Amino acid sequence: MPADLSKSVQHRVYDLFINGGIKDVVASVGQSVTVPSITDPDIAKVDVAVTGITVAVGDIVLVAPKAALPTNARLQGAFVTASNVVQFTFGSEGGNVTGAAVLFDILVLDRT
């Protein structure tokens, strides 16, 4: 269904919560994630046990690094794979990646 452009942003966000089934929004600030070493052009997945908040399969997660990723690393996505576990997928972009720990902020849209 196309967005109703006659509504304000606040009303559209409210509609997202009501129609999208979002019950709550929670955040984990400064979650440590170890970006793995990757040989170009591969990808690697990392399961991270989230602390400080509860996440469940079906929740929507938005993640953002608090610092630069290692050289040639690219964040490809993140989603909940099990209770309190978020799987991060990283890829290489133009060269090998040397793994390193990076702090991430995780925003969870609770739909469960």
N, C-alpha and C. Protein backbone atom coordinates (compact mmCIF):
# COMPACT_ATOMS: atom_id res chain seq x y z
N MET A 1 0.85 -1.16 0.00
CA MET A 1 0.00 0.00 0.00
C MET A 1 0.90 1.23 0.00
N PRO A 2 0.67 2.21 -0.89
CA PRO A 2 1.50 3.41 -0.93
C PRO A 2 1.29 4.27 0.32
N ALA A 3 2.31 5.03 0.66
CA ALA A 3 2.25 5.90 1.84
C ALA A 3 1.22 7.01 1.60
N ASP A 4 0.52 7.37 2.65
CA ASP A 4 -0.44 8.48 2.60
C ASP A 4 0.33 9.76 2.86
N LEU A 5 0.63 10.51 1.80
CA LEU A 5 1.45 11.71 1.92
C LEU A 5 0.71 12.88 2.53
N SER A 6 -0.59 12.71 2.76
CA SER A 6 -1.35 13.79 3.40
C SER A 6 -1.15 13.80 4.91
N LYS A 7 -0.52 12.75 5.44
CA LYS A 7 -0.29 12.65 6.88
C LYS A 7 1.06 13.22 7.27
N SER A 8 1.15 13.72 8.50
CA SER A 8 2.42 14.21 9.01
C SER A 8 3.35 13.03 9.29
N VAL A 9 4.62 13.32 9.47
CA VAL A 9 5.59 12.27 9.79
C VAL A 9 5.18 11.56 11.07
N GLN A 10 4.74 12.31 12.07
CA GLN A 10 4.34 11.70 13.33
C GLN A 10 3.20 10.71 13.13
N HIS A 11 2.23 11.06 12.28
CA HIS A 11 1.12 10.16 12.03
C HIS A 11 1.56 8.92 11.25
N ARG A 12 2.51 9.11 10.34
CA ARG A 12 3.01 7.95 9.58
C ARG A 12 3.78 7.00 10.49
N VAL A 13 4.57 7.54 11.42
CA VAL A 13 5.28 6.69 12.38
C VAL A 13 4.28 5.95 13.27
N TYR A 14 3.25 6.66 13.72
CA TYR A 14 2.21 6.03 14.53
C TYR A 14 1.56 4.89 13.76
N ASP A 15 1.24 5.13 12.47
CA ASP A 15 0.65 4.08 11.63
C ASP A 15 1.59 2.88 11.53
N LEU A 16 2.89 3.13 11.41
CA LEU A 16 3.87 2.04 11.34
C LEU A 16 3.79 1.18 12.59
N PHE A 17 3.68 1.82 13.73
CA PHE A 17 3.60 1.07 14.98
C PHE A 17 2.31 0.27 15.05
N ILE A 18 1.19 0.90 14.72
CA ILE A 18 -0.11 0.23 14.82
C ILE A 18 -0.23 -0.85 13.75
N ASN A 19 0.01 -0.49 12.49
CA ASN A 19 -0.18 -1.43 11.38
C ASN A 19 0.97 -2.42 11.23
N GLY A 20 2.16 -2.04 11.68
CA GLY A 20 3.32 -2.92 11.56
C GLY A 20 3.49 -3.81 12.76
N GLY A 21 2.67 -3.65 13.77
CA GLY A 21 2.73 -4.51 14.94
C GLY A 21 3.88 -4.22 15.88
N ILE A 22 4.44 -3.02 15.81
CA ILE A 22 5.56 -2.69 16.69
C ILE A 22 5.02 -2.32 18.07
N LYS A 23 5.51 -3.02 19.09
CA LYS A 23 5.01 -2.83 20.45
C LYS A 23 5.89 -1.93 21.29
N ASP A 24 7.19 -1.87 20.95
CA ASP A 24 8.12 -1.09 21.76
C ASP A 24 9.39 -0.84 20.96
N VAL A 25 10.17 0.12 21.41
CA VAL A 25 11.47 0.39 20.82
C VAL A 25 12.49 0.41 21.95
N VAL A 26 13.54 -0.39 21.82
CA VAL A 26 14.59 -0.43 22.84
C VAL A 26 15.95 -0.33 22.16
N ALA A 27 16.95 0.08 22.92
CA ALA A 27 18.29 0.24 22.34
C ALA A 27 19.35 -0.35 23.26
N SER A 28 20.39 -0.88 22.63
CA SER A 28 21.59 -1.31 23.32
C SER A 28 22.72 -0.44 22.77
N VAL A 29 23.32 0.34 23.63
CA VAL A 29 24.36 1.28 23.20
C VAL A 29 25.73 0.70 23.55
N GLY A 30 26.62 0.67 22.57
CA GLY A 30 27.98 0.23 22.81
C GLY A 30 28.15 -1.27 22.93
N GLN A 31 27.42 -2.03 22.10
CA GLN A 31 27.55 -3.49 22.08
C GLN A 31 28.81 -3.86 21.29
N SER A 32 29.70 -4.64 21.88
CA SER A 32 30.93 -5.03 21.19
C SER A 32 30.65 -6.13 20.17
N VAL A 33 31.11 -5.91 18.94
CA VAL A 33 30.98 -6.88 17.86
C VAL A 33 32.36 -7.08 17.25
N THR A 34 32.79 -8.32 17.13
CA THR A 34 34.07 -8.60 16.52
C THR A 34 33.88 -8.83 15.03
N VAL A 35 34.34 -7.87 14.23
CA VAL A 35 34.32 -8.02 12.78
C VAL A 35 35.37 -9.08 12.44
N PRO A 36 34.98 -10.14 11.73
CA PRO A 36 35.94 -11.22 11.46
C PRO A 36 36.92 -10.86 10.35
N SER A 37 38.03 -11.59 10.29
CA SER A 37 38.94 -11.47 9.15
C SER A 37 38.25 -12.12 7.96
N ILE A 38 38.31 -11.45 6.81
CA ILE A 38 37.61 -11.93 5.61
C ILE A 38 38.57 -11.85 4.42
N THR A 39 38.60 -12.91 3.63
CA THR A 39 39.36 -12.90 2.39
C THR A 39 38.46 -12.38 1.28
N ASP A 40 38.89 -11.36 0.59
CA ASP A 40 38.10 -10.76 -0.49
C ASP A 40 37.85 -11.80 -1.58
N PRO A 41 36.69 -12.01 -2.10
CA PRO A 41 35.45 -11.26 -1.93
C PRO A 41 34.42 -11.98 -1.06
N ASP A 42 34.83 -12.70 -0.04
CA ASP A 42 33.92 -13.50 0.77
C ASP A 42 33.07 -12.65 1.72
N ILE A 43 32.16 -13.36 2.43
CA ILE A 43 31.40 -12.76 3.51
C ILE A 43 31.60 -13.62 4.75
N ALA A 44 31.27 -13.05 5.90
CA ALA A 44 31.35 -13.81 7.15
C ALA A 44 30.21 -13.36 8.05
N LYS A 45 29.69 -14.31 8.82
CA LYS A 45 28.59 -14.02 9.73
C LYS A 45 29.07 -14.20 11.16
N VAL A 46 28.60 -13.33 12.04
CA VAL A 46 28.99 -13.36 13.44
C VAL A 46 27.72 -13.29 14.29
N ASP A 47 27.54 -14.27 15.18
CA ASP A 47 26.42 -14.24 16.12
C ASP A 47 26.87 -13.51 17.38
N VAL A 48 26.08 -12.52 17.79
CA VAL A 48 26.41 -11.70 18.95
C VAL A 48 25.32 -11.84 20.00
N ALA A 49 25.71 -12.25 21.21
CA ALA A 49 24.77 -12.31 22.33
C ALA A 49 24.56 -10.88 22.82
N VAL A 50 23.36 -10.38 22.63
CA VAL A 50 23.04 -9.00 22.99
C VAL A 50 22.80 -8.91 24.49
N THR A 51 23.37 -7.89 25.12
CA THR A 51 23.20 -7.69 26.56
C THR A 51 22.47 -6.38 26.81
N GLY A 52 21.77 -6.34 27.93
CA GLY A 52 21.11 -5.11 28.35
C GLY A 52 19.70 -4.94 27.82
N ILE A 53 19.32 -5.69 26.80
CA ILE A 53 17.96 -5.63 26.24
C ILE A 53 17.55 -7.04 25.84
N THR A 54 16.27 -7.21 25.55
CA THR A 54 15.76 -8.49 25.09
C THR A 54 15.36 -8.37 23.63
N VAL A 55 15.84 -9.29 22.80
CA VAL A 55 15.44 -9.34 21.40
C VAL A 55 14.92 -10.75 21.11
N ALA A 56 14.00 -10.84 20.17
CA ALA A 56 13.41 -12.13 19.82
C ALA A 56 13.28 -12.23 18.30
N VAL A 57 13.24 -13.47 17.81
CA VAL A 57 13.04 -13.69 16.39
C VAL A 57 11.75 -12.99 15.98
N GLY A 58 11.82 -12.24 14.91
CA GLY A 58 10.67 -11.46 14.45
C GLY A 58 10.81 -9.98 14.72
N ASP A 59 11.71 -9.61 15.64
CA ASP A 59 11.97 -8.20 15.90
C ASP A 59 12.79 -7.61 14.75
N ILE A 60 12.68 -6.32 14.57
CA ILE A 60 13.46 -5.61 13.57
C ILE A 60 14.65 -4.97 14.28
N VAL A 61 15.85 -5.15 13.74
CA VAL A 61 17.03 -4.53 14.33
C VAL A 61 17.68 -3.57 13.34
N LEU A 62 18.08 -2.43 13.85
CA LEU A 62 18.84 -1.44 13.10
C LEU A 62 20.15 -1.29 13.84
N VAL A 63 21.27 -1.41 13.13
CA VAL A 63 22.58 -1.37 13.78
C VAL A 63 23.45 -0.29 13.14
N ALA A 64 24.29 0.31 13.97
CA ALA A 64 25.19 1.36 13.48
C ALA A 64 26.51 1.28 14.25
N PRO A 65 27.63 1.20 13.53
CA PRO A 65 28.92 1.20 14.23
C PRO A 65 29.21 2.57 14.82
N LYS A 66 29.85 2.59 15.98
CA LYS A 66 30.19 3.85 16.65
C LYS A 66 31.56 4.37 16.19
N ALA A 67 32.25 3.56 15.39
CA ALA A 67 33.57 3.94 14.85
C ALA A 67 33.69 3.29 13.47
N ALA A 68 34.73 3.66 12.77
CA ALA A 68 34.95 3.11 11.43
C ALA A 68 35.15 1.59 11.51
N LEU A 69 34.62 0.90 10.51
CA LEU A 69 34.88 -0.54 10.40
C LEU A 69 36.32 -0.73 9.91
N PRO A 70 36.87 -1.93 10.12
CA PRO A 70 38.22 -2.18 9.60
C PRO A 70 38.29 -1.92 8.09
N THR A 71 39.47 -1.61 7.61
CA THR A 71 39.68 -1.33 6.20
C THR A 71 39.11 -2.45 5.34
N ASN A 72 38.37 -2.08 4.31
CA ASN A 72 37.74 -2.97 3.34
C ASN A 72 36.52 -3.72 3.87
N ALA A 73 36.16 -3.54 5.14
CA ALA A 73 34.98 -4.22 5.69
C ALA A 73 33.72 -3.46 5.34
N ARG A 74 32.67 -4.23 5.06
CA ARG A 74 31.36 -3.63 4.76
C ARG A 74 30.30 -4.39 5.54
N LEU A 75 29.48 -3.67 6.29
CA LEU A 75 28.35 -4.27 6.98
C LEU A 75 27.27 -4.55 5.96
N GLN A 76 26.84 -5.80 5.86
CA GLN A 76 25.83 -6.15 4.87
C GLN A 76 24.45 -6.33 5.47
N GLY A 77 24.35 -6.53 6.77
CA GLY A 77 23.04 -6.68 7.38
C GLY A 77 23.13 -7.26 8.77
N ALA A 78 21.99 -7.22 9.45
CA ALA A 78 21.88 -7.80 10.79
C ALA A 78 20.43 -8.18 11.03
N PHE A 79 20.23 -9.33 11.68
CA PHE A 79 18.88 -9.73 12.05
C PHE A 79 18.94 -10.67 13.25
N VAL A 80 17.79 -10.85 13.90
CA VAL A 80 17.70 -11.70 15.08
C VAL A 80 17.57 -13.15 14.63
N THR A 81 18.47 -14.01 15.13
CA THR A 81 18.44 -15.43 14.77
C THR A 81 17.91 -16.32 15.90
N ALA A 82 17.95 -15.82 17.13
CA ALA A 82 17.47 -16.56 18.29
C ALA A 82 17.26 -15.54 19.42
N SER A 83 16.65 -15.97 20.50
CA SER A 83 16.44 -15.06 21.63
C SER A 83 17.77 -14.44 22.05
N ASN A 84 17.80 -13.13 22.06
CA ASN A 84 18.96 -12.34 22.49
C ASN A 84 20.22 -12.58 21.66
N VAL A 85 20.05 -12.99 20.41
CA VAL A 85 21.18 -13.18 19.50
C VAL A 85 20.90 -12.43 18.20
N VAL A 86 21.83 -11.54 17.84
CA VAL A 86 21.75 -10.83 16.57
C VAL A 86 22.91 -11.31 15.70
N GLN A 87 22.58 -11.70 14.47
CA GLN A 87 23.62 -12.14 13.54
C GLN A 87 23.98 -10.98 12.62
N PHE A 88 25.27 -10.64 12.61
CA PHE A 88 25.81 -9.60 11.74
C PHE A 88 26.46 -10.28 10.54
N THR A 89 26.24 -9.73 9.35
CA THR A 89 26.90 -10.23 8.14
C THR A 89 27.82 -9.14 7.62
N PHE A 90 29.09 -9.50 7.44
CA PHE A 90 30.09 -8.56 6.93
C PHE A 90 30.64 -9.09 5.62
N GLY A 91 31.05 -8.19 4.76
CA GLY A 91 31.68 -8.56 3.52
C GLY A 91 32.95 -7.76 3.33
N SER A 92 33.70 -8.13 2.31
CA SER A 92 34.91 -7.39 1.98
C SER A 92 34.64 -6.55 0.74
N GLU A 93 35.33 -5.44 0.67
CA GLU A 93 35.10 -4.50 -0.42
C GLU A 93 36.45 -4.02 -0.95
N GLY A 94 36.97 -4.73 -1.94
CA GLY A 94 38.20 -4.29 -2.57
C GLY A 94 39.48 -4.77 -1.93
N GLY A 95 39.40 -5.74 -1.04
CA GLY A 95 40.60 -6.26 -0.40
C GLY A 95 40.25 -7.08 0.82
N ASN A 96 41.24 -7.74 1.37
CA ASN A 96 41.03 -8.54 2.57
C ASN A 96 40.73 -7.66 3.78
N VAL A 97 40.05 -8.25 4.75
CA VAL A 97 39.69 -7.55 5.99
C VAL A 97 40.45 -8.19 7.15
N THR A 98 41.10 -7.38 7.94
CA THR A 98 41.71 -7.85 9.18
C THR A 98 40.73 -7.57 10.30
N GLY A 99 40.29 -8.63 10.98
CA GLY A 99 39.26 -8.51 12.00
C GLY A 99 39.64 -7.60 13.15
N ALA A 100 38.60 -7.02 13.76
CA ALA A 100 38.79 -6.14 14.92
C ALA A 100 37.45 -5.96 15.62
N ALA A 101 37.51 -5.65 16.90
CA ALA A 101 36.29 -5.37 17.67
C ALA A 101 35.85 -3.94 17.41
N VAL A 102 34.54 -3.78 17.21
CA VAL A 102 33.95 -2.46 16.96
C VAL A 102 32.70 -2.35 17.83
N LEU A 103 32.47 -1.20 18.44
CA LEU A 103 31.25 -0.98 19.21
C LEU A 103 30.12 -0.59 18.27
N PHE A 104 28.95 -1.19 18.49
CA PHE A 104 27.76 -0.91 17.70
C PHE A 104 26.62 -0.46 18.62
N ASP A 105 25.79 0.42 18.12
CA ASP A 105 24.50 0.72 18.75
C ASP A 105 23.47 -0.14 18.04
N ILE A 106 22.57 -0.75 18.81
CA ILE A 106 21.53 -1.61 18.26
C ILE A 106 20.18 -1.05 18.69
N LEU A 107 19.34 -0.75 17.71
CA LEU A 107 17.98 -0.30 17.97
C LEU A 107 17.06 -1.43 17.59
N VAL A 108 16.16 -1.81 18.50
CA VAL A 108 15.26 -2.94 18.28
C VAL A 108 13.82 -2.43 18.24
N LEU A 109 13.13 -2.78 17.15
CA LEU A 109 11.69 -2.53 17.04
C LEU A 109 11.02 -3.84 17.42
N ASP A 110 10.44 -3.87 18.62
CA ASP A 110 9.87 -5.10 19.19
C ASP A 110 8.52 -5.40 18.55
N ARG A 111 8.44 -6.54 17.85
CA ARG A 111 7.18 -6.97 17.23
C ARG A 111 6.67 -8.26 17.86
N THR A 112 7.30 -8.71 18.95
CA THR A 112 6.90 -9.99 19.52
C THR A 112 6.26 -9.82 20.87
